[in-house]
């Protein structure tokens, strides 16, 4: 009996590790693809000078900004996914499918980033709408993953607790909320496109809030 339990535990650990490793590979691949869209300018070698190069870099600025934003969005979801799998002890079909659906918009993000930055103008709303939709899907399926592992009836986690689940759900949903607000405000003013910079600060404020309100729980899980 003891041998059977040990082998069963090893099998579950292997399955969890397998899913986590596959997901890490997808995140790494998606983040790498982001930079491929930023191509070197094609210039005449005989007429190149610093002024011309600076001018070409200026034209590439929207792509660099799109790269930076998407890099950190993907990075934030990878960190959330990493925290999630610290609690996963077993795999079921529901978790597998939702994890796969969560990775779908992550893989799509290099394309949506390229689509948005290529047609970045104040009058065109479809590119940014598509980009926002990609991020919303990431946030939604990240939310679903935390709800699944936070549900004790599935018996697939070490029971992270309501506080930790709510903390990570809040962080997962704040990114799409910020982009939805940006999209809506962009119909009024072009300055709205600066709002996504808040993704670098708002999650930190959420962490500070939970750390002050639940210091023992947060310190235990995020030392």
C-alpha atoms as a PDB file:
ATOM      1  CA  UNK A   1       0.000   0.000   0.000  1.00  0.00           C
ATOM      2  CA  UNK A   2       2.775   2.424   0.880  1.00  0.00           C
ATOM      3  CA  UNK A   3       4.542   1.679  -2.384  1.00  0.00           C
ATOM      4  CA  UNK A   4       1.357   2.360  -4.334  1.00  0.00           C
ATOM      5  CA  UNK A   5       0.803   5.719  -2.635  1.00  0.00           C
ATOM      6  CA  UNK A   6       4.399   6.756  -3.299  1.00  0.00           C
ATOM      7  CA  UNK A   7       4.158   5.860  -6.994  1.00  0.00           C
ATOM      8  CA  UNK A   8       0.810   7.608  -7.323  1.00  0.00           C
ATOM      9  CA  UNK A   9       2.279  10.739  -5.754  1.00  0.00           C
ATOM     10  CA  UNK A  10       5.280  10.594  -8.080  1.00  0.00           C
ATOM     11  CA  UNK A  11       2.967  10.278 -11.057  1.00  0.00           C
ATOM     12  CA  UNK A  12       0.933  13.324 -10.010  1.00  0.00           C
ATOM     13  CA  UNK A  13       4.120  15.330  -9.467  1.00  0.00           C
ATOM     14  CA  UNK A  14       5.354  14.340 -12.917  1.00  0.00           C
ATOM     15  CA  UNK A  15       2.072  15.426 -14.542  1.00  0.00           C
ATOM     16  CA  UNK A  16       2.114  18.780 -12.741  1.00  0.00           C
ATOM     17  CA  UNK A  17       5.746  19.337 -13.739  1.00  0.00           C
ATOM     18  CA  UNK A  18       4.951  18.409 -17.327  1.00  0.00           C
ATOM     19  CA  UNK A  19       2.114  20.947 -17.623  1.00  0.00           C
ATOM     20  CA  UNK A  20       4.174  23.674 -15.934  1.00  0.00           C
ATOM     21  CA  UNK A  21       7.174  23.041 -18.210  1.00  0.00           C
ATOM     22  CA  UNK A  22       5.004  23.099 -21.338  1.00  0.00           C
ATOM     23  CA  UNK A  23       3.448  26.386 -20.203  1.00  0.00           C
ATOM     24  CA  UNK A  24       6.865  27.918 -19.480  1.00  0.00           C
ATOM     25  CA  UNK A  25       7.955  27.006 -23.007  1.00  0.00           C
ATOM     26  CA  UNK A  26       4.900  28.705 -24.493  1.00  0.00           C
ATOM     27  CA  UNK A  27       5.528  31.864 -22.479  1.00  0.00           C
ATOM     28  CA  UNK A  28       9.200  31.920 -23.511  1.00  0.00           C
ATOM     29  CA  UNK A  29       8.324  31.405 -27.169  1.00  0.00           C
ATOM     30  CA  UNK A  30       5.653  34.137 -27.153  1.00  0.00           C
ATOM     31  CA  UNK A  31       7.953  36.642 -25.470  1.00  0.00           C
ATOM     32  CA  UNK A  32      10.719  35.873 -27.992  1.00  0.00           C
ATOM     33  CA  UNK A  33       8.376  36.324 -30.953  1.00  0.00           C
ATOM     34  CA  UNK A  34       7.554  39.866 -29.812  1.00  0.00           C
ATOM     35  CA  UNK A  35      10.934  41.216 -30.905  1.00  0.00           C
ATOM     36  CA  UNK A  36      10.863  39.578 -34.352  1.00  0.00           C
ATOM     37  CA  UNK A  37       8.416  42.223 -35.581  1.00  0.00           C
ATOM     38  CA  UNK A  38      10.990  44.973 -34.909  1.00  0.00           C
ATOM     39  CA  UNK A  39      13.060  44.818 -38.084  1.00  0.00           C
ATOM     40  CA  UNK A  40      16.217  46.682 -38.965  1.00  0.00           C
ATOM     41  CA  UNK A  41      15.557  49.556 -41.390  1.00  0.00           C
ATOM     42  CA  UNK A  42      16.731  48.991 -44.971  1.00  0.00           C
ATOM     43  CA  UNK A  43      18.983  51.884 -45.937  1.00  0.00           C
ATOM     44  CA  UNK A  44      21.453  52.722 -48.630  1.00  0.00           C
ATOM     45  CA  UNK A  45      24.898  52.013 -47.165  1.00  0.00           C
ATOM     46  CA  UNK A  46      26.408  54.999 -49.016  1.00  0.00           C
ATOM     47  CA  UNK A  47      23.961  57.545 -47.569  1.00  0.00           C
ATOM     48  CA  UNK A  48      23.756  56.441 -43.945  1.00  0.00           C
ATOM     49  CA  UNK A  49      24.392  59.033 -41.260  1.00  0.00           C
ATOM     50  CA  UNK A  50      23.406  59.446 -37.621  1.00  0.00           C
ATOM     51  CA  UNK A  51      20.533  61.821 -38.386  1.00  0.00           C
ATOM     52  CA  UNK A  52      19.013  59.287 -40.786  1.00  0.00           C
ATOM     53  CA  UNK A  53      19.382  56.459 -38.275  1.00  0.00           C
ATOM     54  CA  UNK A  54      17.746  58.489 -35.502  1.00  0.00           C
ATOM     55  CA  UNK A  55      14.881  59.269 -37.861  1.00  0.00           C
ATOM     56  CA  UNK A  56      14.395  55.563 -38.631  1.00  0.00           C
ATOM     57  CA  UNK A  57      14.445  54.732 -34.924  1.00  0.00           C
ATOM     58  CA  UNK A  58      11.771  57.380 -34.366  1.00  0.00           C
ATOM     59  CA  UNK A  59       9.510  55.583 -36.859  1.00  0.00           C
ATOM     60  CA  UNK A  60      10.082  52.350 -34.937  1.00  0.00           C
ATOM     61  CA  UNK A  61       9.130  53.912 -31.600  1.00  0.00           C
ATOM     62  CA  UNK A  62       5.506  52.587 -31.599  1.00  0.00           C
ATOM     63  CA  UNK A  63       6.847  49.063 -32.141  1.00  0.00           C
ATOM     64  CA  UNK A  64       9.327  49.400 -29.277  1.00  0.00           C
ATOM     65  CA  UNK A  65       6.566  50.693 -26.993  1.00  0.00           C
ATOM     66  CA  UNK A  66       4.263  47.848 -28.054  1.00  0.00           C
ATOM     67  CA  UNK A  67       7.081  45.373 -27.445  1.00  0.00           C
ATOM     68  CA  UNK A  68       7.772  46.746 -23.955  1.00  0.00           C
ATOM     69  CA  UNK A  69       4.101  46.749 -22.909  1.00  0.00           C
ATOM     70  CA  UNK A  70       3.408  43.245 -24.249  1.00  0.00           C
ATOM     71  CA  UNK A  71       6.676  41.947 -22.770  1.00  0.00           C
ATOM     72  CA  UNK A  72       5.612  43.025 -19.300  1.00  0.00           C
ATOM     73  CA  UNK A  73       2.002  41.887 -19.776  1.00  0.00           C
ATOM     74  CA  UNK A  74       3.188  38.404 -20.755  1.00  0.00           C
ATOM     75  CA  UNK A  75       5.778  38.526 -17.985  1.00  0.00           C
ATOM     76  CA  UNK A  76       3.149  39.414 -15.375  1.00  0.00           C
ATOM     77  CA  UNK A  77       0.928  36.532 -16.476  1.00  0.00           C
ATOM     78  CA  UNK A  78       3.903  34.190 -16.399  1.00  0.00           C
ATOM     79  CA  UNK A  79       4.644  35.246 -12.813  1.00  0.00           C
ATOM     80  CA  UNK A  80       0.984  34.700 -11.909  1.00  0.00           C
ATOM     81  CA  UNK A  81       1.047  31.290 -13.588  1.00  0.00           C
ATOM     82  CA  UNK A  82       4.250  30.461 -11.704  1.00  0.00           C
ATOM     83  CA  UNK A  83       2.626  31.405  -8.381  1.00  0.00           C
ATOM     84  CA  UNK A  84      -0.436  29.344  -9.280  1.00  0.00           C
ATOM     85  CA  UNK A  85       1.519  26.164  -9.939  1.00  0.00           C
ATOM     86  CA  UNK A  86       3.215  26.452  -6.556  1.00  0.00           C
ATOM     87  CA  UNK A  87      -0.128  25.305  -5.129  1.00  0.00           C
ATOM     88  CA  UNK A  88      -1.070  22.699  -7.762  1.00  0.00           C
ATOM     89  CA  UNK A  89      -0.614  19.137  -6.498  1.00  0.00           C
ATOM     90  CA  UNK A  90      -2.606  17.212  -9.120  1.00  0.00           C
ATOM     91  CA  UNK A  91      -3.988  17.655 -12.625  1.00  0.00           C
ATOM     92  CA  UNK A  92      -7.545  17.169 -13.804  1.00  0.00           C
ATOM     93  CA  UNK A  93      -9.198  17.684 -17.185  1.00  0.00           C
ATOM     94  CA  UNK A  94     -10.739  21.023 -16.184  1.00  0.00           C
ATOM     95  CA  UNK A  95      -7.374  22.452 -15.204  1.00  0.00           C
ATOM     96  CA  UNK A  96      -5.725  21.115 -18.371  1.00  0.00           C
ATOM     97  CA  UNK A  97      -8.275  22.688 -20.709  1.00  0.00           C
ATOM     98  CA  UNK A  98      -8.354  26.032 -18.920  1.00  0.00           C
ATOM     99  CA  UNK A  99      -4.565  26.147 -18.853  1.00  0.00           C
ATOM    100  CA  UNK A 100      -4.522  25.484 -22.595  1.00  0.00           C
ATOM    101  CA  UNK A 101      -7.135  28.206 -23.200  1.00  0.00           C
ATOM    102  CA  UNK A 102      -5.103  30.579 -21.033  1.00  0.00           C
ATOM    103  CA  UNK A 103      -2.059  30.001 -23.249  1.00  0.00           C
ATOM    104  CA  UNK A 104      -4.056  30.701 -26.435  1.00  0.00           C
ATOM    105  CA  UNK A 105      -4.149  34.527 -26.108  1.00  0.00           C
ATOM    106  CA  UNK A 106      -0.542  34.468 -24.848  1.00  0.00           C
ATOM    107  CA  UNK A 107       0.546  32.842 -28.133  1.00  0.00           C
ATOM    108  CA  UNK A 108      -1.646  35.287 -30.049  1.00  0.00           C
ATOM    109  CA  UNK A 109      -0.187  38.370 -28.349  1.00  0.00           C
ATOM    110  CA  UNK A 110       2.840  38.787 -30.682  1.00  0.00           C
ATOM    111  CA  UNK A 111       0.414  39.037 -33.625  1.00  0.00           C
ATOM    112  CA  UNK A 112      -2.020  41.384 -31.847  1.00  0.00           C
ATOM    113  CA  UNK A 113       0.917  43.555 -30.766  1.00  0.00           C
ATOM    114  CA  UNK A 114       2.227  43.712 -34.335  1.00  0.00           C
ATOM    115  CA  UNK A 115      -1.247  44.442 -35.703  1.00  0.00           C
ATOM    116  CA  UNK A 116      -1.762  47.287 -33.252  1.00  0.00           C
ATOM    117  CA  UNK A 117       1.654  48.921 -33.625  1.00  0.00           C
ATOM    118  CA  UNK A 118       1.610  48.635 -37.430  1.00  0.00           C
ATOM    119  CA  UNK A 119      -1.653  50.578 -37.683  1.00  0.00           C
ATOM    120  CA  UNK A 120      -1.271  52.809 -34.663  1.00  0.00           C
ATOM    121  CA  UNK A 121      -3.296  55.930 -35.436  1.00  0.00           C
ATOM    122  CA  UNK A 122      -5.882  57.831 -33.464  1.00  0.00           C
ATOM    123  CA  UNK A 123      -8.577  57.221 -36.088  1.00  0.00           C
ATOM    124  CA  UNK A 124      -8.258  53.423 -36.286  1.00  0.00           C
ATOM    125  CA  UNK A 125      -9.844  51.589 -33.363  1.00  0.00           C
ATOM    126  CA  UNK A 126      -9.916  47.988 -34.641  1.00  0.00           C
ATOM    127  CA  UNK A 127      -6.177  47.266 -33.995  1.00  0.00           C
ATOM    128  CA  UNK A 128      -6.291  48.385 -30.364  1.00  0.00           C
ATOM    129  CA  UNK A 129      -9.664  46.705 -29.840  1.00  0.00           C
ATOM    130  CA  UNK A 130      -8.187  43.420 -31.047  1.00  0.00           C
ATOM    131  CA  UNK A 131      -5.135  43.927 -28.835  1.00  0.00           C
ATOM    132  CA  UNK A 132      -7.357  44.666 -25.827  1.00  0.00           C
ATOM    133  CA  UNK A 133      -9.465  41.571 -26.537  1.00  0.00           C
ATOM    134  CA  UNK A 134      -6.325  39.412 -26.458  1.00  0.00           C
ATOM    135  CA  UNK A 135      -5.372  40.788 -23.050  1.00  0.00           C
ATOM    136  CA  UNK A 136      -8.936  40.392 -21.755  1.00  0.00           C
ATOM    137  CA  UNK A 137      -8.922  36.718 -22.711  1.00  0.00           C
ATOM    138  CA  UNK A 138      -5.619  36.248 -20.869  1.00  0.00           C
ATOM    139  CA  UNK A 139      -7.042  37.866 -17.757  1.00  0.00           C
ATOM    140  CA  UNK A 140     -10.295  35.894 -17.918  1.00  0.00           C
ATOM    141  CA  UNK A 141      -8.644  32.477 -18.224  1.00  0.00           C
ATOM    142  CA  UNK A 142      -6.097  33.381 -15.544  1.00  0.00           C
ATOM    143  CA  UNK A 143      -9.068  34.194 -13.314  1.00  0.00           C
ATOM    144  CA  UNK A 144     -10.619  30.810 -14.194  1.00  0.00           C
ATOM    145  CA  UNK A 145      -7.406  28.968 -13.305  1.00  0.00           C
ATOM    146  CA  UNK A 146      -7.271  30.551  -9.853  1.00  0.00           C
ATOM    147  CA  UNK A 147     -10.950  29.751  -9.267  1.00  0.00           C
ATOM    148  CA  UNK A 148     -10.289  26.112 -10.171  1.00  0.00           C
ATOM    149  CA  UNK A 149      -7.313  25.585  -7.870  1.00  0.00           C
ATOM    150  CA  UNK A 150      -9.027  27.594  -5.143  1.00  0.00           C
ATOM    151  CA  UNK A 151     -12.010  25.246  -5.182  1.00  0.00           C
ATOM    152  CA  UNK A 152     -11.407  22.480  -2.584  1.00  0.00           C
ATOM    153  CA  UNK A 153     -13.890  20.131  -4.257  1.00  0.00           C
ATOM    154  CA  UNK A 154     -11.424  19.470  -7.095  1.00  0.00           C
ATOM    155  CA  UNK A 155      -8.693  18.365  -4.663  1.00  0.00           C
ATOM    156  CA  UNK A 156      -5.891  19.450  -7.007  1.00  0.00           C
ATOM    157  CA  UNK A 157      -4.138  22.059  -4.847  1.00  0.00           C
ATOM    158  CA  UNK A 158      -2.595  22.561  -1.429  1.00  0.00           C
ATOM    159  CA  UNK A 159      -5.482  24.928  -0.619  1.00  0.00           C
ATOM    160  CA  UNK A 160      -4.007  28.416  -1.117  1.00  0.00           C
ATOM    161  CA  UNK A 161      -6.894  30.010   0.783  1.00  0.00           C
ATOM    162  CA  UNK A 162      -9.392  32.701  -0.092  1.00  0.00           C
ATOM    163  CA  UNK A 163      -7.027  35.627   0.518  1.00  0.00           C
ATOM    164  CA  UNK A 164      -4.308  34.343  -1.815  1.00  0.00           C
ATOM    165  CA  UNK A 165      -6.840  33.400  -4.501  1.00  0.00           C
ATOM    166  CA  UNK A 166      -8.541  36.809  -4.341  1.00  0.00           C
ATOM    167  CA  UNK A 167      -5.176  38.579  -4.370  1.00  0.00           C
ATOM    168  CA  UNK A 168      -4.056  36.818  -7.541  1.00  0.00           C
ATOM    169  CA  UNK A 169      -7.456  37.166  -9.218  1.00  0.00           C
ATOM    170  CA  UNK A 170      -7.358  40.911  -8.562  1.00  0.00           C
ATOM    171  CA  UNK A 171      -3.887  41.176 -10.080  1.00  0.00           C
ATOM    172  CA  UNK A 172      -4.932  39.061 -13.068  1.00  0.00           C
ATOM    173  CA  UNK A 173      -8.011  41.171 -13.837  1.00  0.00           C
ATOM    174  CA  UNK A 174      -6.520  44.637 -13.264  1.00  0.00           C
ATOM    175  CA  UNK A 175      -4.550  44.475 -16.532  1.00  0.00           C
ATOM    176  CA  UNK A 176      -7.567  43.873 -18.824  1.00  0.00           C
ATOM    177  CA  UNK A 177      -9.588  46.434 -16.831  1.00  0.00           C
ATOM    178  CA  UNK A 178      -6.916  49.074 -17.486  1.00  0.00           C
ATOM    179  CA  UNK A 179      -6.895  48.251 -21.200  1.00  0.00           C
ATOM    180  CA  UNK A 180     -10.696  48.345 -21.444  1.00  0.00           C
ATOM    181  CA  UNK A 181     -10.638  51.793 -19.809  1.00  0.00           C
ATOM    182  CA  UNK A 182      -7.918  52.844 -22.266  1.00  0.00           C
ATOM    183  CA  UNK A 183     -10.001  51.646 -25.215  1.00  0.00           C
ATOM    184  CA  UNK A 184     -13.103  53.514 -24.046  1.00  0.00           C
ATOM    185  CA  UNK A 185     -11.233  56.729 -23.273  1.00  0.00           C
ATOM    186  CA  UNK A 186      -9.415  56.525 -26.655  1.00  0.00           C
ATOM    187  CA  UNK A 187     -12.718  57.396 -28.332  1.00  0.00           C
ATOM    188  CA  UNK A 188     -12.503  60.749 -26.538  1.00  0.00           C
ATOM    189  CA  UNK A 189      -8.789  61.557 -26.545  1.00  0.00           C
ATOM    190  CA  UNK A 190      -5.568  60.121 -27.925  1.00  0.00           C
ATOM    191  CA  UNK A 191      -3.916  60.677 -24.539  1.00  0.00           C
ATOM    192  CA  UNK A 192      -5.701  57.509 -23.429  1.00  0.00           C
ATOM    193  CA  UNK A 193      -2.925  55.409 -24.967  1.00  0.00           C
ATOM    194  CA  UNK A 194      -0.652  56.469 -22.101  1.00  0.00           C
ATOM    195  CA  UNK A 195      -2.923  54.792 -19.537  1.00  0.00           C
ATOM    196  CA  UNK A 196      -1.427  51.265 -19.963  1.00  0.00           C
ATOM    197  CA  UNK A 197       1.708  52.560 -18.244  1.00  0.00           C
ATOM    198  CA  UNK A 198      -0.315  52.079 -15.052  1.00  0.00           C
ATOM    199  CA  UNK A 199       0.209  48.310 -15.345  1.00  0.00           C
ATOM    200  CA  UNK A 200       3.702  48.943 -13.957  1.00  0.00           C
ATOM    201  CA  UNK A 201       2.295  50.562 -10.789  1.00  0.00           C
ATOM    202  CA  UNK A 202      -1.243  49.373  -9.993  1.00  0.00           C
ATOM    203  CA  UNK A 203      -0.301  45.691  -9.371  1.00  0.00           C
ATOM    204  CA  UNK A 204       2.327  46.908  -6.908  1.00  0.00           C
ATOM    205  CA  UNK A 205      -0.336  48.944  -5.085  1.00  0.00           C
ATOM    206  CA  UNK A 206      -2.537  45.838  -4.909  1.00  0.00           C
ATOM    207  CA  UNK A 207       0.348  43.872  -3.392  1.00  0.00           C
ATOM    208  CA  UNK A 208       0.992  46.618  -0.839  1.00  0.00           C
ATOM    209  CA  UNK A 209      -2.700  46.676   0.101  1.00  0.00           C
ATOM    210  CA  UNK A 210      -2.889  42.918   0.677  1.00  0.00           C
ATOM    211  CA  UNK A 211       0.472  42.889   2.476  1.00  0.00           C
ATOM    212  CA  UNK A 212      -0.771  45.482   4.961  1.00  0.00           C
ATOM    213  CA  UNK A 213      -4.208  43.911   5.431  1.00  0.00           C
ATOM    214  CA  UNK A 214      -3.046  40.276   5.574  1.00  0.00           C
ATOM    215  CA  UNK A 215       0.655  40.479   6.522  1.00  0.00           C
ATOM    216  CA  UNK A 216       0.939  36.953   7.973  1.00  0.00           C
ATOM    217  CA  UNK A 217      -0.718  35.197   5.031  1.00  0.00           C
ATOM    218  CA  UNK A 218       1.156  37.191   2.391  1.00  0.00           C
ATOM    219  CA  UNK A 219       4.504  36.721   4.144  1.00  0.00           C
ATOM    220  CA  UNK A 220       3.903  32.981   4.407  1.00  0.00           C
ATOM    221  CA  UNK A 221       3.216  32.527   0.703  1.00  0.00           C
ATOM    222  CA  UNK A 222       5.416  35.277  -0.801  1.00  0.00           C
ATOM    223  CA  UNK A 223       8.625  35.412   1.172  1.00  0.00           C
END
